[in-house]
Amino acid sequence: MSGNKHLGGKDFDVFMGDKMVHVIEASVKVTDGRKVKTVRGIPVGFIDGPVSAEVTFKVDHENFLLIEGQAKSAGSWKGIPPFDMSFLAEVKAGTKNIEAFGVLPSLDEILNLKAEGGEEDTTTLKGEITSKDFIKINGIPYLTSDEVRDL
């Protein structure tokens, strides 16, 4: 099996809504606020807590201009409405599809340059997840149906 191609960053297609964006780096982080319940210091179960998630991605200037087009259409950077993102990769060994719903974008690092040259300018954006659809991993929701009922 040593000759099989393994899943790597180059295998991912990243979509903001229905537009493909080429990213330099990307991450999706989930914060799960479940806590262990203890009695006299001994674990006896858990208590559900709040959840949150954040998408971070770094783009080059050309892909920054695609996002700038959304800001122009919205009238401001803060006016860009939440959008869904998908990170999809397929190799022979399998598929990985991370979907983030209702990503509310904000500029994080709007300029990153080296005065001596040799590296391109990059921009980093972050986005908090605002949708009850939250995150799906290979089509499986992170949140239980009980958690999102009646929302």
C-alpha atoms as a PDB file:
ATOM      1  CA  MET A   1       0.000   0.000   0.000  1.00  0.00           C
ATOM      2  CA  SER A   2       2.996   2.346   0.133  1.00  0.00           C
ATOM      3  CA  GLY A   3       2.305   3.476  -3.450  1.00  0.00           C
ATOM      4  CA  ASN A   4      -1.200   4.798  -2.704  1.00  0.00           C
ATOM      5  CA  LYS A   5      -1.846   8.520  -2.855  1.00  0.00           C
ATOM      6  CA  HIS A   6      -2.823   9.923   0.523  1.00  0.00           C
ATOM      7  CA  LEU A   7      -5.120  12.850   1.130  1.00  0.00           C
ATOM      8  CA  GLY A   8      -3.269  16.180   1.192  1.00  0.00           C
ATOM      9  CA  GLY A   9      -3.980  19.882   1.009  1.00  0.00           C
ATOM     10  CA  LYS A  10      -3.584  19.970  -2.789  1.00  0.00           C
ATOM     11  CA  ASP A  11      -6.527  17.591  -3.123  1.00  0.00           C
ATOM     12  CA  PHE A  12      -9.077  20.023  -1.660  1.00  0.00           C
ATOM     13  CA  ASP A  13     -11.456  22.182  -3.650  1.00  0.00           C
ATOM     14  CA  VAL A  14     -12.766  25.065  -1.554  1.00  0.00           C
ATOM     15  CA  PHE A  15     -16.066  26.767  -2.296  1.00  0.00           C
ATOM     16  CA  MET A  16     -17.497  29.982  -0.873  1.00  0.00           C
ATOM     17  CA  GLY A  17     -21.143  29.602  -1.739  1.00  0.00           C
ATOM     18  CA  ASP A  18     -20.990  28.418  -5.348  1.00  0.00           C
ATOM     19  CA  LYS A  19     -17.641  30.067  -6.179  1.00  0.00           C
ATOM     20  CA  MET A  20     -14.418  28.097  -6.074  1.00  0.00           C
ATOM     21  CA  VAL A  21     -11.650  29.875  -4.181  1.00  0.00           C
ATOM     22  CA  HIS A  22      -8.024  28.804  -4.120  1.00  0.00           C
ATOM     23  CA  VAL A  23      -6.678  29.014  -0.586  1.00  0.00           C
ATOM     24  CA  ILE A  24      -3.112  28.940   0.668  1.00  0.00           C
ATOM     25  CA  GLU A  25      -4.168  27.638   4.074  1.00  0.00           C
ATOM     26  CA  ALA A  26      -7.500  26.843   5.668  1.00  0.00           C
ATOM     27  CA  SER A  27      -8.828  25.468   8.920  1.00  0.00           C
ATOM     28  CA  VAL A  28     -12.204  24.722  10.478  1.00  0.00           C
ATOM     29  CA  LYS A  29     -12.210  24.625  14.283  1.00  0.00           C
ATOM     30  CA  VAL A  30     -15.073  23.477  16.505  1.00  0.00           C
ATOM     31  CA  THR A  31     -15.351  24.431  20.165  1.00  0.00           C
ATOM     32  CA  ASP A  32     -17.555  21.993  22.038  1.00  0.00           C
ATOM     33  CA  GLY A  33     -18.573  23.206  25.490  1.00  0.00           C
ATOM     34  CA  ARG A  34     -19.565  19.833  26.941  1.00  0.00           C
ATOM     35  CA  LYS A  35     -18.283  19.400  30.481  1.00  0.00           C
ATOM     36  CA  VAL A  36     -17.696  16.328  32.565  1.00  0.00           C
ATOM     37  CA  LYS A  37     -20.000  16.139  35.602  1.00  0.00           C
ATOM     38  CA  THR A  38     -18.315  14.910  38.733  1.00  0.00           C
ATOM     39  CA  VAL A  39     -19.472  13.872  42.169  1.00  0.00           C
ATOM     40  CA  ARG A  40     -16.789  14.028  44.850  1.00  0.00           C
ATOM     41  CA  GLY A  41     -14.237  14.391  42.081  1.00  0.00           C
ATOM     42  CA  ILE A  42     -15.343  11.236  40.222  1.00  0.00           C
ATOM     43  CA  PRO A  43     -16.732  11.528  36.680  1.00  0.00           C
ATOM     44  CA  VAL A  44     -20.392  10.487  36.478  1.00  0.00           C
ATOM     45  CA  GLY A  45     -21.385  11.712  33.033  1.00  0.00           C
ATOM     46  CA  PHE A  46     -21.449  14.983  31.160  1.00  0.00           C
ATOM     47  CA  ILE A  47     -23.435  18.177  30.716  1.00  0.00           C
ATOM     48  CA  ASP A  48     -24.058  19.689  27.308  1.00  0.00           C
ATOM     49  CA  GLY A  49     -22.718  23.182  26.768  1.00  0.00           C
ATOM     50  CA  PRO A  50     -22.547  25.749  23.992  1.00  0.00           C
ATOM     51  CA  VAL A  51     -20.872  25.038  20.668  1.00  0.00           C
ATOM     52  CA  SER A  52     -19.157  27.356  18.243  1.00  0.00           C
ATOM     53  CA  ALA A  53     -17.064  26.991  15.130  1.00  0.00           C
ATOM     54  CA  GLU A  54     -14.745  29.179  13.118  1.00  0.00           C
ATOM     55  CA  VAL A  55     -13.339  28.986   9.615  1.00  0.00           C
ATOM     56  CA  THR A  56      -9.984  30.605   8.881  1.00  0.00           C
ATOM     57  CA  PHE A  57      -8.515  30.826   5.413  1.00  0.00           C
ATOM     58  CA  LYS A  58      -5.618  32.581   3.731  1.00  0.00           C
ATOM     59  CA  VAL A  59      -5.803  33.672   0.089  1.00  0.00           C
ATOM     60  CA  ASP A  60      -3.504  35.254  -2.452  1.00  0.00           C
ATOM     61  CA  HIS A  61      -4.270  38.589  -4.141  1.00  0.00           C
ATOM     62  CA  GLU A  62      -6.209  37.105  -7.067  1.00  0.00           C
ATOM     63  CA  ASN A  63      -8.577  35.234  -4.774  1.00  0.00           C
ATOM     64  CA  PHE A  64      -8.803  38.236  -2.450  1.00  0.00           C
ATOM     65  CA  LEU A  65     -10.212  40.137  -5.442  1.00  0.00           C
ATOM     66  CA  LEU A  66     -13.014  37.559  -5.762  1.00  0.00           C
ATOM     67  CA  ILE A  67     -13.998  38.236  -2.161  1.00  0.00           C
ATOM     68  CA  GLU A  68     -13.606  41.980  -2.722  1.00  0.00           C
ATOM     69  CA  GLY A  69     -16.265  41.643  -5.432  1.00  0.00           C
ATOM     70  CA  GLN A  70     -18.691  40.375  -2.793  1.00  0.00           C
ATOM     71  CA  ALA A  71     -17.816  43.332  -0.549  1.00  0.00           C
ATOM     72  CA  LYS A  72     -18.464  45.770  -3.426  1.00  0.00           C
ATOM     73  CA  SER A  73     -21.830  44.136  -4.105  1.00  0.00           C
ATOM     74  CA  ALA A  74     -22.713  44.321  -0.391  1.00  0.00           C
ATOM     75  CA  GLY A  75     -21.551  47.945  -0.098  1.00  0.00           C
ATOM     76  CA  SER A  76     -18.921  47.159   2.574  1.00  0.00           C
ATOM     77  CA  TRP A  77     -16.775  44.378   3.948  1.00  0.00           C
ATOM     78  CA  LYS A  78     -18.995  44.046   7.006  1.00  0.00           C
ATOM     79  CA  GLY A  79     -22.008  43.937   4.702  1.00  0.00           C
ATOM     80  CA  ILE A  80     -21.031  40.596   3.148  1.00  0.00           C
ATOM     81  CA  PRO A  81     -23.832  38.248   4.205  1.00  0.00           C
ATOM     82  CA  PRO A  82     -23.054  34.851   5.742  1.00  0.00           C
ATOM     83  CA  PHE A  83     -22.300  32.147   3.184  1.00  0.00           C
ATOM     84  CA  ASP A  84     -21.720  28.411   3.218  1.00  0.00           C
ATOM     85  CA  MET A  85     -18.271  26.957   2.656  1.00  0.00           C
ATOM     86  CA  SER A  86     -17.274  23.507   1.484  1.00  0.00           C
ATOM     87  CA  PHE A  87     -13.873  21.848   1.631  1.00  0.00           C
ATOM     88  CA  LEU A  88     -13.979  18.751  -0.589  1.00  0.00           C
ATOM     89  CA  ALA A  89     -11.241  16.264  -1.420  1.00  0.00           C
ATOM     90  CA  GLU A  90     -11.367  12.845  -3.026  1.00  0.00           C
ATOM     91  CA  VAL A  91      -8.618  10.281  -3.408  1.00  0.00           C
ATOM     92  CA  LYS A  92      -8.723   6.552  -4.037  1.00  0.00           C
ATOM     93  CA  ALA A  93      -8.727   5.851  -0.295  1.00  0.00           C
ATOM     94  CA  GLY A  94     -11.833   7.983   0.255  1.00  0.00           C
ATOM     95  CA  THR A  95     -13.480  11.366   0.476  1.00  0.00           C
ATOM     96  CA  LYS A  96     -13.318  14.181   2.993  1.00  0.00           C
ATOM     97  CA  ASN A  97     -15.999  16.847   2.794  1.00  0.00           C
ATOM     98  CA  ILE A  98     -16.226  19.499   5.487  1.00  0.00           C
ATOM     99  CA  GLU A  99     -19.200  21.836   5.149  1.00  0.00           C
ATOM    100  CA  ALA A 100     -19.516  24.995   7.245  1.00  0.00           C
ATOM    101  CA  PHE A 101     -22.873  26.773   7.176  1.00  0.00           C
ATOM    102  CA  GLY A 102     -23.588  30.448   7.657  1.00  0.00           C
ATOM    103  CA  VAL A 103     -19.966  31.642   7.730  1.00  0.00           C
ATOM    104  CA  LEU A 104     -19.980  35.311   8.803  1.00  0.00           C
ATOM    105  CA  PRO A 105     -16.758  36.658   7.299  1.00  0.00           C
ATOM    106  CA  SER A 106     -14.398  39.159   8.864  1.00  0.00           C
ATOM    107  CA  LEU A 107     -10.993  40.331   7.770  1.00  0.00           C
ATOM    108  CA  ASP A 108      -8.272  39.080  10.077  1.00  0.00           C
ATOM    109  CA  GLU A 109      -4.903  39.886   8.536  1.00  0.00           C
ATOM    110  CA  ILE A 110      -5.507  42.259   5.641  1.00  0.00           C
ATOM    111  CA  LEU A 111      -1.873  42.685   4.684  1.00  0.00           C
ATOM    112  CA  ASN A 112       1.049  40.294   4.947  1.00  0.00           C
ATOM    113  CA  LEU A 113       4.075  41.269   2.904  1.00  0.00           C
ATOM    114  CA  LYS A 114       7.825  40.940   3.028  1.00  0.00           C
ATOM    115  CA  ALA A 115       9.634  44.159   2.020  1.00  0.00           C
ATOM    116  CA  GLU A 116      12.557  42.168   0.617  1.00  0.00           C
ATOM    117  CA  GLY A 117      10.226  40.349  -1.781  1.00  0.00           C
ATOM    118  CA  GLY A 118      10.264  36.684  -2.610  1.00  0.00           C
ATOM    119  CA  GLU A 119       6.802  36.055  -1.140  1.00  0.00           C
ATOM    120  CA  GLU A 120       3.396  37.107  -2.352  1.00  0.00           C
ATOM    121  CA  ASP A 121       0.982  39.282  -0.402  1.00  0.00           C
ATOM    122  CA  THR A 122      -1.700  37.292   1.394  1.00  0.00           C
ATOM    123  CA  THR A 123      -4.921  38.098   3.228  1.00  0.00           C
ATOM    124  CA  THR A 124      -6.434  36.023   6.030  1.00  0.00           C
ATOM    125  CA  LEU A 125     -10.165  35.910   6.695  1.00  0.00           C
ATOM    126  CA  LYS A 126     -12.068  34.370   9.570  1.00  0.00           C
ATOM    127  CA  GLY A 127     -15.696  33.481   9.837  1.00  0.00           C
ATOM    128  CA  GLU A 128     -17.847  32.485  12.774  1.00  0.00           C
ATOM    129  CA  ILE A 129     -20.532  29.887  12.055  1.00  0.00           C
ATOM    130  CA  THR A 130     -24.008  31.437  12.376  1.00  0.00           C
ATOM    131  CA  SER A 131     -26.313  28.664  11.126  1.00  0.00           C
ATOM    132  CA  LYS A 132     -28.034  25.909  13.096  1.00  0.00           C
ATOM    133  CA  ASP A 133     -26.854  23.613  10.287  1.00  0.00           C
ATOM    134  CA  PHE A 134     -23.406  24.315  11.809  1.00  0.00           C
ATOM    135  CA  ILE A 135     -20.848  21.800  10.476  1.00  0.00           C
ATOM    136  CA  LYS A 136     -21.201  18.573   8.511  1.00  0.00           C
ATOM    137  CA  ILE A 137     -18.376  16.103   8.099  1.00  0.00           C
ATOM    138  CA  ASN A 138     -18.841  13.810   5.101  1.00  0.00           C
ATOM    139  CA  GLY A 139     -22.558  14.615   5.251  1.00  0.00           C
ATOM    140  CA  ILE A 140     -22.908  13.761   8.954  1.00  0.00           C
ATOM    141  CA  PRO A 141     -24.029  16.711  11.099  1.00  0.00           C
ATOM    142  CA  TYR A 142     -21.914  17.642  14.103  1.00  0.00           C
ATOM    143  CA  LEU A 143     -24.948  18.647  16.159  1.00  0.00           C
ATOM    144  CA  THR A 144     -27.642  16.164  17.154  1.00  0.00           C
ATOM    145  CA  SER A 145     -31.158  16.560  15.801  1.00  0.00           C
ATOM    146  CA  ASP A 146     -32.337  16.981  19.388  1.00  0.00           C
ATOM    147  CA  GLU A 147     -30.055  20.001  19.840  1.00  0.00           C
ATOM    148  CA  VAL A 148     -31.420  21.884  16.830  1.00  0.00           C
ATOM    149  CA  ARG A 149     -35.091  20.940  17.183  1.00  0.00           C
ATOM    150  CA  ASP A 150     -37.501  23.874  17.030  1.00  0.00           C
ATOM    151  CA  LEU A 151     -34.738  26.339  16.074  1.00  0.00           C
END
